Amino acid sequence: MPPDLLRLDIVVPVLMYCALLWWVGRGLSWTAKLATAVVTLVLIICVVLVERR
């Protein structure tokens, strides 16, 4: 794996988001969890793409 794909400034926030989603989403339905995850991951990807330009 190239070092650019395993940067801690990207990996750590994603892992923290997953932990937060698990904690907050315990009472949510699976569709609500999935929708929240998709929207947030799309936002993270957009931010990463903008920062790399």
N, C-alpha and C. Protein backbone atom coordinates (compact mmCIF):
# COMPACT_ATOMS: atom_id res chain seq x y z
N MET A 1 0.84 -1.18 0.00
CA MET A 1 0.00 0.00 0.00
C MET A 1 0.88 1.24 0.00
N PRO A 2 0.63 2.19 -0.93
CA PRO A 2 1.42 3.42 -0.90
C PRO A 2 1.15 4.21 0.37
N PRO A 3 2.13 4.96 0.85
CA PRO A 3 1.96 5.72 2.10
C PRO A 3 0.82 6.73 2.04
N ASP A 4 0.51 7.24 0.83
CA ASP A 4 -0.56 8.25 0.71
C ASP A 4 -1.93 7.68 1.07
N LEU A 5 -2.11 6.38 0.87
CA LEU A 5 -3.42 5.78 1.15
C LEU A 5 -3.62 5.49 2.63
N LEU A 6 -2.54 5.48 3.40
CA LEU A 6 -2.63 5.13 4.81
C LEU A 6 -2.16 6.30 5.67
N ARG A 7 -2.70 7.47 5.42
CA ARG A 7 -2.32 8.66 6.18
C ARG A 7 -3.19 8.75 7.42
N LEU A 8 -2.55 9.00 8.56
CA LEU A 8 -3.29 9.05 9.82
C LEU A 8 -4.27 10.21 9.89
N ASP A 9 -3.99 11.31 9.19
CA ASP A 9 -4.92 12.44 9.22
C ASP A 9 -6.22 12.12 8.50
N ILE A 10 -6.26 11.04 7.74
CA ILE A 10 -7.50 10.60 7.09
C ILE A 10 -8.10 9.41 7.83
N VAL A 11 -7.25 8.48 8.24
CA VAL A 11 -7.73 7.24 8.85
C VAL A 11 -8.34 7.49 10.23
N VAL A 12 -7.69 8.32 11.04
CA VAL A 12 -8.17 8.55 12.41
C VAL A 12 -9.56 9.18 12.43
N PRO A 13 -9.82 10.27 11.66
CA PRO A 13 -11.19 10.82 11.68
C PRO A 13 -12.25 9.83 11.20
N VAL A 14 -11.90 9.00 10.21
CA VAL A 14 -12.87 8.02 9.72
C VAL A 14 -13.18 6.99 10.81
N LEU A 15 -12.15 6.52 11.52
CA LEU A 15 -12.38 5.57 12.61
C LEU A 15 -13.18 6.20 13.74
N MET A 16 -12.88 7.46 14.06
CA MET A 16 -13.64 8.16 15.10
C MET A 16 -15.10 8.33 14.68
N TYR A 17 -15.33 8.61 13.40
CA TYR A 17 -16.69 8.74 12.91
C TYR A 17 -17.44 7.42 13.04
N CYS A 18 -16.77 6.31 12.70
CA CYS A 18 -17.43 5.01 12.80
C CYS A 18 -17.81 4.70 14.25
N ALA A 19 -16.91 5.01 15.18
CA ALA A 19 -17.21 4.78 16.60
C ALA A 19 -18.36 5.67 17.06
N LEU A 20 -18.37 6.92 16.63
CA LEU A 20 -19.45 7.83 17.01
C LEU A 20 -20.77 7.38 16.41
N LEU A 21 -20.74 6.95 15.16
CA LEU A 21 -21.96 6.47 14.51
C LEU A 21 -22.50 5.25 15.25
N TRP A 22 -21.63 4.34 15.66
CA TRP A 22 -22.08 3.16 16.41
C TRP A 22 -22.71 3.59 17.74
N TRP A 23 -22.08 4.53 18.43
CA TRP A 23 -22.57 4.95 19.74
C TRP A 23 -23.91 5.66 19.63
N VAL A 24 -24.01 6.62 18.72
CA VAL A 24 -25.24 7.41 18.57
C VAL A 24 -26.33 6.60 17.90
N GLY A 25 -25.94 5.73 16.97
CA GLY A 25 -26.92 5.03 16.15
C GLY A 25 -27.49 3.78 16.77
N ARG A 26 -27.24 3.55 18.04
CA ARG A 26 -27.77 2.33 18.66
C ARG A 26 -29.28 2.27 18.60
N GLY A 27 -29.96 3.40 18.67
CA GLY A 27 -31.41 3.41 18.65
C GLY A 27 -32.00 3.65 17.27
N LEU A 28 -31.16 3.82 16.26
CA LEU A 28 -31.65 4.09 14.92
C LEU A 28 -31.92 2.80 14.16
N SER A 29 -32.78 2.90 13.17
CA SER A 29 -33.02 1.74 12.31
C SER A 29 -31.83 1.56 11.38
N TRP A 30 -31.76 0.40 10.74
CA TRP A 30 -30.63 0.13 9.85
C TRP A 30 -30.62 1.08 8.67
N THR A 31 -31.78 1.46 8.16
CA THR A 31 -31.81 2.37 7.01
C THR A 31 -31.33 3.76 7.42
N ALA A 32 -31.68 4.21 8.62
CA ALA A 32 -31.21 5.51 9.09
C ALA A 32 -29.70 5.49 9.31
N LYS A 33 -29.19 4.40 9.86
CA LYS A 33 -27.74 4.27 10.04
C LYS A 33 -27.02 4.29 8.69
N LEU A 34 -27.55 3.56 7.73
CA LEU A 34 -26.94 3.50 6.42
C LEU A 34 -26.97 4.86 5.73
N ALA A 35 -28.08 5.55 5.80
CA ALA A 35 -28.18 6.87 5.19
C ALA A 35 -27.21 7.85 5.83
N THR A 36 -27.11 7.83 7.14
CA THR A 36 -26.17 8.71 7.85
C THR A 36 -24.74 8.40 7.46
N ALA A 37 -24.40 7.14 7.39
CA ALA A 37 -23.04 6.74 7.02
C ALA A 37 -22.70 7.16 5.60
N VAL A 38 -23.62 6.97 4.68
CA VAL A 38 -23.37 7.32 3.28
C VAL A 38 -23.18 8.82 3.13
N VAL A 39 -24.04 9.61 3.73
CA VAL A 39 -23.94 11.07 3.61
C VAL A 39 -22.63 11.56 4.21
N THR A 40 -22.26 11.06 5.37
CA THR A 40 -21.04 11.52 6.01
C THR A 40 -19.81 11.07 5.24
N LEU A 41 -19.78 9.86 4.76
CA LEU A 41 -18.63 9.40 3.99
C LEU A 41 -18.49 10.17 2.68
N VAL A 42 -19.58 10.53 2.05
CA VAL A 42 -19.52 11.36 0.84
C VAL A 42 -18.92 12.73 1.18
N LEU A 43 -19.32 13.31 2.30
CA LEU A 43 -18.74 14.59 2.72
C LEU A 43 -17.25 14.45 3.00
N ILE A 44 -16.84 13.37 3.65
CA ILE A 44 -15.42 13.15 3.92
C ILE A 44 -14.64 13.03 2.61
N ILE A 45 -15.16 12.30 1.66
CA ILE A 45 -14.50 12.14 0.36
C ILE A 45 -14.38 13.48 -0.35
N CYS A 46 -15.43 14.29 -0.30
CA CYS A 46 -15.39 15.61 -0.93
C CYS A 46 -14.30 16.48 -0.31
N VAL A 47 -14.22 16.47 1.02
CA VAL A 47 -13.19 17.27 1.70
C VAL A 47 -11.80 16.79 1.33
N VAL A 48 -11.59 15.49 1.28
CA VAL A 48 -10.27 14.95 0.92
C VAL A 48 -9.91 15.32 -0.51
N LEU A 49 -10.86 15.24 -1.42
CA LEU A 49 -10.59 15.60 -2.81
C LEU A 49 -10.25 17.08 -2.95
N VAL A 50 -10.95 17.93 -2.22
CA VAL A 50 -10.67 19.37 -2.29
C VAL A 50 -9.30 19.69 -1.69
N GLU A 51 -8.94 19.01 -0.61
CA GLU A 51 -7.64 19.26 0.02
C GLU A 51 -6.48 18.79 -0.85
N ARG A 52 -6.67 17.78 -1.63
CA ARG A 52 -5.57 17.25 -2.46
C ARG A 52 -5.34 18.05 -3.72
N ARG A 53 -6.20 18.98 -4.07
CA ARG A 53 -6.02 19.79 -5.28
C ARG A 53 -4.99 20.84 -5.09
